[in-house]
Amino acid sequence: MSTLNINDNNFLRQFEVNIDGQLAKVEYALQERKIFLTKIILPENANYEFKEAFLIEIFEIIKDRKLRMMPTSSEIKTFLKSKREYMELLPIGVRL
């Protein structure tokens, strides 16, 4: 899995990466020390491997910034359930 060059666009509140000339993005809202992942938008040509790499890189960014994460997007919640090692990023007491 290669490392993606993810841009954190603070102005638009989204993590974004260009894939084959199209923008993949995860929209977020930042509140205190929590980041709410609200929506994921992927180009039609994005496969599961890309989605997995993209979300894992975002989870790593969140981890490095010592933030807690609240996935409000059902698609991101479902993915997180399959990657139990990132459940530690949820705020204490929150279950999916």
Protein backbone atom coordinates (compact mmCIF):
# COMPACT_ATOMS: atom_id res chain seq x y z
CA MET A 1 0.00 0.00 0.00
CA SER A 2 1.58 3.29 -1.02
CA THR A 3 1.38 6.45 1.02
CA LEU A 4 -1.08 8.96 -0.38
CA ASN A 5 -0.37 12.67 -0.47
CA ILE A 6 -3.42 13.82 1.50
CA ASN A 7 -4.12 17.52 1.79
CA ASP A 8 -5.98 18.83 4.82
CA ASN A 9 -8.00 21.67 3.34
CA ASN A 10 -8.85 23.65 6.48
CA PHE A 11 -10.89 26.21 4.56
CA LEU A 12 -13.28 23.61 3.10
CA ARG A 13 -12.90 21.31 6.14
CA GLN A 14 -11.98 18.24 4.19
CA PHE A 15 -9.16 15.80 3.67
CA GLU A 16 -8.56 15.46 -0.03
CA VAL A 17 -6.40 13.61 -2.50
CA ASN A 18 -6.28 13.68 -6.28
CA ILE A 19 -6.77 10.32 -7.98
CA ASP A 20 -6.48 10.24 -11.77
CA GLY A 21 -7.51 13.89 -12.06
CA GLN A 22 -10.51 13.52 -9.74
CA LEU A 23 -10.83 14.57 -6.11
CA ALA A 24 -11.51 12.07 -3.34
CA LYS A 25 -12.48 13.70 -0.07
CA VAL A 26 -13.64 13.16 3.47
CA GLU A 27 -15.52 16.12 4.90
CA TYR A 28 -15.17 16.88 8.59
CA ALA A 29 -16.15 19.22 11.41
CA LEU A 30 -13.68 20.04 14.15
CA GLN A 31 -14.98 20.72 17.64
CA GLU A 32 -12.68 21.05 20.65
CA ARG A 33 -10.42 17.96 20.51
CA LYS A 34 -12.85 15.91 18.38
CA ILE A 35 -13.07 15.54 14.64
CA PHE A 36 -16.42 14.47 13.17
CA LEU A 37 -16.01 12.62 9.86
CA THR A 38 -19.27 13.53 8.17
CA LYS A 39 -19.04 12.41 4.55
CA ILE A 40 -16.82 10.49 2.15
CA ILE A 41 -16.88 11.23 -1.57
CA LEU A 42 -14.89 9.02 -3.91
CA PRO A 43 -14.53 9.13 -7.70
CA GLU A 44 -16.33 6.38 -9.59
CA ASN A 45 -13.02 4.78 -10.57
CA ALA A 46 -11.86 4.40 -6.93
CA ASN A 47 -11.60 0.78 -5.80
CA TYR A 48 -11.76 -0.70 -2.30
CA GLU A 49 -7.95 -0.72 -1.95
CA PHE A 50 -7.85 3.03 -2.60
CA LYS A 51 -10.68 3.67 -0.13
CA GLU A 52 -8.91 1.58 2.51
CA ALA A 53 -5.58 3.38 2.01
CA PHE A 54 -7.28 6.80 2.01
CA LEU A 55 -9.21 6.21 5.23
CA ILE A 56 -6.27 4.60 7.03
CA GLU A 57 -4.05 7.57 6.14
CA ILE A 58 -6.73 9.92 7.52
CA PHE A 59 -6.99 7.85 10.72
CA GLU A 60 -3.19 8.09 11.07
CA ILE A 61 -3.31 11.89 10.65
CA ILE A 62 -5.99 12.06 13.37
CA LYS A 63 -3.91 9.81 15.61
CA ASP A 64 -0.78 11.95 15.09
CA ARG A 65 -2.72 15.10 15.99
CA LYS A 66 -3.95 13.40 19.18
CA LEU A 67 -7.60 14.02 18.31
CA ARG A 68 -10.63 11.86 19.04
CA MET A 69 -12.70 10.86 16.04
CA MET A 70 -16.45 10.59 15.63
CA PRO A 71 -17.48 9.02 12.34
CA THR A 72 -20.99 10.23 11.58
CA SER A 73 -20.95 8.86 8.03
CA SER A 74 -22.40 5.33 7.95
CA GLU A 75 -19.85 4.34 5.29
CA ILE A 76 -16.93 5.42 7.49
CA LYS A 77 -18.50 3.74 10.55
CA THR A 78 -18.78 0.46 8.66
CA PHE A 79 -15.17 0.68 7.53
CA LEU A 80 -13.97 1.50 11.05
CA LYS A 81 -15.70 -1.61 12.42
CA SER A 82 -13.47 -3.69 10.13
CA LYS A 83 -10.33 -1.90 11.37
CA ARG A 84 -10.61 -2.49 15.11
CA GLU A 85 -7.11 -1.11 15.77
CA TYR A 86 -8.46 2.41 15.10
CA MET A 87 -11.36 2.10 17.55
CA GLU A 88 -9.04 3.63 20.16
CA LEU A 89 -9.54 6.96 18.36
CA LEU A 90 -13.19 7.09 19.43
CA PRO A 91 -13.99 9.22 22.47
CA ILE A 92 -14.19 7.29 25.73
CA GLY A 93 -17.59 5.65 26.16
CA VAL A 94 -18.55 5.83 22.46
CA ARG A 95 -19.46 2.58 20.73
CA LEU A 96 -20.35 1.91 17.13
